[in-house]
Amino acid sequence: MMPELPLDQVRTLLAVVDEGTFDAAASVLHVTPSAISQRVKALEQRTGRVLLMRTKPVRPTESGEVVVRFARQLARLERDAMASLGMSGPGEPARLSIAVNADSLATWFLPALRRVPETVEVCYELRREDQDHTSALLREGRVMAAVTSSPEAVTGCSVRGLGVMRYLPVAGSGFADRWFGPRAGTTPRDLLAAAPVVGFDRRDDLQDTFVRGLGGDRASGRRHYVPTSEGFVAAVAAGMGWGMVPDVQAEALLAAGRLVDLAPGRTVDVPLYWQQWKLDSPSLAAVAGAVAAEAAVSLRPGGGPGAGPAGHGRSGAS
């Protein structure tokens, strides 16, 4: 007979991970710390795996992440079932945690959420994260879904292509005149490699990707870091440096002459994907459908199964 996972032990493990200590979990569950310890040890004996690293705060092991994800999915299913049976609190909405990259959050993702039917009552917890942490959040079950540039599905998740976000190499008009005016014998590659550059954070390598695409090594070491999507565009327009800006954000500024395209026709495309738990949740399905519908009109075609990212994006798209 296949061994079962006792639900009280599973929920206890989740409480310990969420609260960070055995004592805090005991307070939340209204039992003694000794009882918490006994339940966790019993679950580890049943699974034959160490599930927690006894650090401060405690952290799940790789096996522990599997159990924690199961616990969160179980809680989600329980809430959905209670809502369907009319057992949830009056007007109590579903709560969905979603990881989103910064540029999507600043452009097309919020309009996607507006597409969710009003009959679907849901509250969102949006987390802006980079790709590596996004994958960890999905593995640990801390988010139920994510917009990411990784086409590789996290275990227990499904993945679908959304489309491509296109980035243009732009600079403020004054900056462009100063750094990219006529220079005999100087190539665009050399100019871009020498001019000050704006980055989102130290993980943002879109500018380096673009310079390498021209045959260079990397963008200049003279860098400013501006860790918000809107602030990034404002910094570039203000002349702090050149940078890769989503075409949907650059369009109006280019038309107004506030930005200049430094290499017309040359871009970096980042495929985006939607990953979510393999879970029969009506609210999650409604949000996934809304995201796909908005992406179909807001993003460029591409990024289907098997496609890899052309470059790393910013805080979630990399």
Protein backbone atom coordinates (compact mmCIF):
# COMPACT_ATOMS: atom_id res chain seq x y z
CA MET A 1 0.00 0.00 0.00
CA MET A 2 1.30 3.45 -0.92
CA PRO A 3 2.00 5.55 2.20
CA GLU A 4 -0.13 8.66 2.66
CA LEU A 5 0.91 12.13 3.70
CA PRO A 6 -1.01 13.03 6.88
CA LEU A 7 -2.63 16.39 6.22
CA ASP A 8 -2.02 17.76 9.71
CA GLN A 9 1.70 17.10 9.29
CA VAL A 10 1.72 18.65 5.82
CA ARG A 11 -0.03 21.78 7.08
CA THR A 12 2.39 21.95 9.99
CA LEU A 13 5.38 21.89 7.66
CA LEU A 14 3.85 24.73 5.66
CA ALA A 15 3.29 26.78 8.82
CA VAL A 16 6.91 26.31 9.88
CA VAL A 17 8.19 27.44 6.47
CA ASP A 18 5.86 30.44 6.34
CA GLU A 19 6.49 31.55 9.92
CA GLY A 20 10.22 30.84 9.87
CA THR A 21 10.53 29.09 13.24
CA PHE A 22 8.97 26.19 15.15
CA ASP A 23 7.90 28.53 17.95
CA ALA A 24 6.11 30.91 15.58
CA ALA A 25 4.37 28.02 13.85
CA ALA A 26 3.27 26.68 17.22
CA SER A 27 1.73 30.05 18.06
CA VAL A 28 -0.19 30.17 14.79
CA LEU A 29 -1.46 26.59 15.09
CA HIS A 30 -2.16 26.91 18.84
CA VAL A 31 -0.04 23.91 19.81
CA THR A 32 3.26 23.53 21.62
CA PRO A 33 6.64 23.82 19.86
CA SER A 34 7.23 20.21 20.90
CA ALA A 35 4.14 19.12 18.99
CA ILE A 36 5.35 21.01 15.91
CA SER A 37 8.73 19.30 16.12
CA GLN A 38 7.14 15.88 16.51
CA ARG A 39 4.88 16.38 13.48
CA VAL A 40 7.75 17.50 11.28
CA LYS A 41 9.93 14.58 12.40
CA ALA A 42 7.06 12.16 11.78
CA LEU A 43 6.58 13.55 8.27
CA GLU A 44 10.30 13.25 7.56
CA GLN A 45 10.26 9.64 8.77
CA ARG A 46 7.23 8.88 6.60
CA THR A 47 8.79 10.40 3.47
CA GLY A 48 12.30 9.16 4.25
CA ARG A 49 13.64 12.62 3.46
CA VAL A 50 14.97 15.60 5.37
CA LEU A 51 12.38 18.28 4.66
CA LEU A 52 13.71 21.27 6.58
CA MET A 53 17.05 22.94 7.04
CA ARG A 54 17.10 23.93 10.72
CA THR A 55 18.40 27.44 10.06
CA LYS A 56 17.05 30.79 11.21
CA PRO A 57 14.68 31.19 9.53
CA VAL A 58 14.12 27.56 8.58
CA ARG A 59 14.21 26.74 4.89
CA PRO A 60 12.75 23.78 3.00
CA THR A 61 15.10 21.32 1.36
CA GLU A 62 14.45 20.33 -2.25
CA SER A 63 12.19 17.54 -0.99
CA GLY A 64 10.59 19.96 1.47
CA GLU A 65 9.73 22.30 -1.39
CA VAL A 66 7.70 19.51 -2.99
CA VAL A 67 5.68 19.00 0.19
CA VAL A 68 5.24 22.75 0.74
CA ARG A 69 3.98 23.20 -2.81
CA PHE A 70 1.54 20.33 -2.27
CA ALA A 71 0.34 21.99 0.94
CA ARG A 72 -0.31 25.30 -0.81
CA GLN A 73 -2.11 23.60 -3.68
CA LEU A 74 -4.19 21.63 -1.20
CA ALA A 75 -5.16 24.86 0.57
CA ARG A 76 -6.09 26.44 -2.77
CA LEU A 77 -8.28 23.46 -3.71
CA GLU A 78 -9.91 23.51 -0.29
CA ARG A 79 -10.80 27.20 -0.63
CA ASP A 80 -12.20 26.66 -4.14
CA ALA A 81 -14.27 23.70 -2.97
CA MET A 82 -15.66 25.64 -0.01
CA ALA A 83 -16.55 28.54 -2.30
CA SER A 84 -18.36 26.19 -4.69
CA LEU A 85 -20.28 24.71 -1.77
CA GLY A 86 -21.18 28.13 -0.42
CA MET A 87 -19.13 27.50 2.71
CA SER A 88 -16.71 30.41 2.36
CA GLY A 89 -17.27 33.78 3.98
CA PRO A 90 -19.70 36.14 2.29
CA GLY A 91 -18.05 37.79 -0.70
CA GLU A 92 -14.70 36.21 0.15
CA PRO A 93 -12.53 36.45 -2.98
CA ALA A 94 -9.95 33.96 -4.21
CA ARG A 95 -6.39 35.05 -3.52
CA LEU A 96 -3.81 34.52 -6.26
CA SER A 97 -0.07 35.16 -5.94
CA ILE A 98 1.68 35.85 -9.25
CA ALA A 99 5.30 36.72 -10.07
CA VAL A 100 5.69 39.26 -12.88
CA ASN A 101 8.70 40.87 -14.51
CA ALA A 102 8.97 44.63 -14.13
CA ASP A 103 8.53 45.60 -17.77
CA SER A 104 5.39 43.47 -18.17
CA LEU A 105 3.99 44.96 -14.98
CA ALA A 106 4.61 48.47 -16.33
CA THR A 107 3.07 47.82 -19.75
CA TRP A 108 0.59 45.06 -20.56
CA PHE A 109 0.01 42.93 -17.46
CA LEU A 110 -2.39 45.15 -15.51
CA PRO A 111 -4.64 45.55 -18.58
CA ALA A 112 -4.61 41.75 -18.74
CA LEU A 113 -6.03 41.53 -15.23
CA ARG A 114 -8.81 43.93 -16.22
CA ARG A 115 -9.94 41.29 -18.70
CA VAL A 116 -10.82 38.87 -15.88
CA PRO A 117 -14.65 38.69 -15.72
CA GLU A 118 -16.18 40.65 -12.86
CA THR A 119 -18.00 37.49 -11.78
CA VAL A 120 -14.62 36.04 -10.80
CA GLU A 121 -13.88 37.55 -7.39
CA VAL A 122 -10.14 37.55 -6.88
CA CYS A 123 -7.47 39.47 -4.97
CA TYR A 124 -3.93 39.54 -6.35
CA GLU A 125 -0.55 39.49 -4.70
CA LEU A 126 1.86 40.51 -7.45
CA ARG A 127 5.54 39.92 -6.85
CA ARG A 128 8.18 41.54 -9.03
CA GLU A 129 11.02 39.07 -9.29
CA ASP A 130 13.86 38.02 -11.58
CA GLN A 131 13.78 34.71 -13.41
CA ASP A 132 15.90 32.66 -11.00
CA HIS A 133 13.85 33.72 -8.01
CA THR A 134 10.63 33.32 -10.01
CA SER A 135 11.50 29.68 -10.56
CA ALA A 136 12.28 29.27 -6.86
CA LEU A 137 8.96 30.89 -5.91
CA LEU A 138 7.10 28.45 -8.14
CA ARG A 139 9.05 25.45 -6.83
CA GLU A 140 8.38 26.46 -3.23
CA GLY A 141 4.75 27.17 -3.99
CA ARG A 142 5.01 30.79 -2.89
CA VAL A 143 3.36 31.90 -6.12
CA MET A 144 0.76 30.07 -8.16
CA ALA A 145 1.80 31.51 -11.52
CA ALA A 146 4.49 33.63 -13.14
CA VAL A 147 5.35 35.60 -16.25
CA THR A 148 8.88 34.58 -17.09
CA SER A 149 11.32 34.27 -19.98
CA SER A 150 12.07 30.64 -19.12
CA PRO A 151 10.36 28.09 -21.39
CA GLU A 152 11.30 25.21 -19.08
CA ALA A 153 8.37 24.26 -16.87
CA VAL A 154 8.99 24.03 -13.13
CA THR A 155 8.00 20.61 -11.81
CA GLY A 156 4.28 20.54 -11.20
CA CYS A 157 3.63 23.52 -13.48
CA SER A 158 2.42 23.96 -17.02
CA VAL A 159 3.92 26.51 -19.41
CA ARG A 160 2.61 28.33 -22.47
CA GLY A 161 4.17 30.91 -24.74
CA LEU A 162 2.72 34.41 -24.55
CA GLY A 163 4.68 36.32 -27.17
CA VAL A 164 7.74 38.49 -27.50
CA MET A 165 8.63 41.79 -25.83
CA ARG A 166 10.81 43.87 -28.15
CA TYR A 167 13.49 46.22 -26.83
CA LEU A 168 14.99 49.18 -28.73
CA PRO A 169 18.40 50.82 -28.11
CA VAL A 170 17.49 54.42 -27.34
CA ALA A 171 18.85 57.55 -25.70
CA GLY A 172 17.66 61.05 -24.90
CA SER A 173 18.01 63.44 -27.85
CA GLY A 174 20.66 65.61 -26.17
CA PHE A 175 22.64 62.57 -25.05
CA ALA A 176 22.46 61.12 -28.57
CA ASP A 177 23.78 64.34 -30.10
CA ARG A 178 26.65 64.44 -27.62
CA TRP A 179 27.71 60.80 -27.78
CA PHE A 180 26.50 59.55 -31.14
CA GLY A 181 27.05 62.50 -33.47
CA PRO A 182 29.31 62.11 -36.53
CA ARG A 183 32.60 60.52 -35.52
CA ALA A 184 34.88 59.57 -38.40
CA GLY A 185 36.00 55.97 -38.23
CA THR A 186 33.93 55.11 -35.17
CA THR A 187 31.37 52.30 -35.51
CA PRO A 188 28.02 52.17 -33.69
CA ARG A 189 29.40 49.17 -31.82
CA ASP A 190 32.32 51.18 -30.46
CA LEU A 191 30.11 54.15 -29.61
CA LEU A 192 27.66 51.98 -27.68
CA ALA A 193 30.49 50.22 -25.89
CA ALA A 194 31.97 53.54 -24.74
CA ALA A 195 28.92 55.65 -23.89
CA PRO A 196 27.40 55.69 -20.38
CA VAL A 197 24.60 53.17 -20.05
CA VAL A 198 21.54 52.73 -17.85
CA GLY A 199 20.75 49.29 -16.39
CA PHE A 200 17.79 48.10 -14.37
CA ASP A 201 20.00 46.31 -11.83
CA ARG A 202 23.19 44.26 -11.84
CA ARG A 203 21.40 41.27 -13.36
CA ASP A 204 20.14 43.27 -16.34
CA ASP A 205 22.27 42.32 -19.34
CA LEU A 206 20.03 43.50 -22.20
CA GLN A 207 22.44 46.30 -23.05
CA ASP A 208 25.38 43.86 -23.09
CA THR A 209 23.35 41.46 -25.24
CA PHE A 210 22.74 44.22 -27.78
CA VAL A 211 26.40 45.24 -27.99
CA ARG A 212 27.43 41.59 -28.40
CA GLY A 213 24.90 41.33 -31.24
CA LEU A 214 26.88 44.07 -33.01
CA GLY A 215 30.08 42.09 -32.56
CA GLY A 216 31.33 43.87 -29.47
CA ASP A 217 32.16 42.61 -26.00
CA ARG A 218 29.82 44.46 -23.64
CA ALA A 219 28.35 47.86 -22.90
CA SER A 220 30.36 50.49 -21.05
CA GLY A 221 31.32 50.04 -17.42
CA ARG A 222 30.01 53.57 -16.83
CA ARG A 223 26.61 52.44 -15.57
CA HIS A 224 23.66 53.82 -13.70
CA TYR A 225 21.14 51.43 -12.11
CA VAL A 226 17.48 52.42 -11.90
CA PRO A 227 15.36 49.51 -10.57
CA THR A 228 11.87 50.49 -11.77
CA SER A 229 10.60 50.20 -15.32
CA GLU A 230 9.14 53.71 -15.41
CA GLY A 231 12.22 55.18 -13.70
CA PHE A 232 14.49 53.40 -16.16
CA VAL A 233 12.76 55.01 -19.15
CA ALA A 234 12.80 58.41 -17.43
CA ALA A 235 16.53 58.08 -16.72
CA VAL A 236 17.28 57.29 -20.36
CA ALA A 237 15.08 60.16 -21.59
CA ALA A 238 16.80 62.49 -19.12
CA GLY A 239 20.18 61.77 -20.69
CA MET A 240 21.81 59.66 -17.97
CA GLY A 241 22.81 57.05 -20.54
CA TRP A 242 21.49 54.87 -23.34
CA GLY A 243 19.46 51.76 -22.65
CA MET A 244 17.18 49.06 -24.06
CA VAL A 245 13.55 50.17 -23.68
CA PRO A 246 10.40 48.18 -24.58
CA ASP A 247 9.03 49.46 -27.88
CA VAL A 248 5.61 50.08 -26.31
CA GLN A 249 7.21 52.47 -23.81
CA ALA A 250 9.53 54.10 -26.34
CA GLU A 251 6.94 54.73 -29.06
CA ALA A 252 5.43 57.99 -27.82
CA LEU A 253 8.78 59.40 -26.66
CA LEU A 254 10.33 58.63 -30.05
CA ALA A 255 7.43 60.38 -31.80
CA ALA A 256 7.85 63.41 -29.52
CA GLY A 257 11.59 63.59 -30.20
CA ARG A 258 12.51 62.96 -26.57
CA LEU A 259 14.17 59.64 -27.45
CA VAL A 260 16.32 58.68 -30.42
CA ASP A 261 16.63 55.15 -31.83
CA LEU A 262 20.39 54.56 -31.91
CA ALA A 263 20.31 51.62 -34.32
CA PRO A 264 17.10 51.57 -36.37
CA GLY A 265 16.07 48.07 -37.34
CA ARG A 266 18.19 46.41 -34.64
CA THR A 267 16.39 45.10 -31.57
CA VAL A 268 16.52 42.48 -28.80
CA ASP A 269 13.46 40.25 -28.49
CA VAL A 270 12.66 38.49 -25.20
CA PRO A 271 10.09 35.67 -25.38
CA LEU A 272 7.69 35.60 -22.44
CA TYR A 273 5.91 32.59 -20.98
CA TRP A 274 3.12 31.93 -18.51
CA GLN A 275 3.81 29.23 -15.94
CA GLN A 276 1.20 28.09 -13.45
CA TRP A 277 0.41 25.24 -11.11
CA LYS A 278 -1.27 22.24 -12.68
CA LEU A 279 -4.34 22.88 -10.58
CA ASP A 280 -8.05 22.74 -11.37
CA SER A 281 -8.81 26.20 -10.00
CA PRO A 282 -11.53 28.25 -11.74
CA SER A 283 -10.05 31.57 -10.62
CA LEU A 284 -6.55 30.64 -11.81
CA ALA A 285 -7.95 29.42 -15.13
CA ALA A 286 -9.82 32.72 -15.61
CA VAL A 287 -6.68 34.76 -14.96
CA ALA A 288 -4.59 32.55 -17.28
CA GLY A 289 -7.13 33.05 -20.05
CA ALA A 290 -7.15 36.82 -19.53
CA VAL A 291 -3.35 36.99 -19.57
CA ALA A 292 -3.16 34.98 -22.79
CA ALA A 293 -5.81 37.16 -24.43
CA GLU A 294 -4.05 40.42 -23.57
CA ALA A 295 -0.66 39.04 -24.55
CA ALA A 296 -2.06 38.11 -27.96
CA VAL A 297 -2.76 41.79 -28.73
CA SER A 298 -0.01 43.51 -26.70
CA LEU A 299 3.03 41.34 -27.44
CA ARG A 300 4.63 40.40 -30.72
CA PRO A 301 4.11 36.83 -31.99
CA GLY A 302 6.76 34.31 -30.99
CA GLY A 303 8.10 32.52 -27.95
CA GLY A 304 6.32 29.24 -28.60
CA PRO A 305 7.33 25.92 -27.00
CA GLY A 306 11.03 25.26 -27.32
CA ALA A 307 11.96 28.86 -28.04
CA GLY A 308 14.70 30.26 -25.86
CA PRO A 309 15.21 33.81 -24.66
CA ALA A 310 17.25 36.05 -26.95
CA GLY A 311 18.37 38.10 -24.00
CA HIS A 312 17.81 38.48 -20.29
CA GLY A 313 15.14 40.94 -19.29
CA ARG A 314 14.51 42.93 -16.14
CA SER A 315 13.35 41.57 -12.80
CA GLY A 316 11.41 38.58 -14.00
CA ALA A 317 11.98 38.49 -17.71
CA SER A 318 15.47 37.13 -17.42
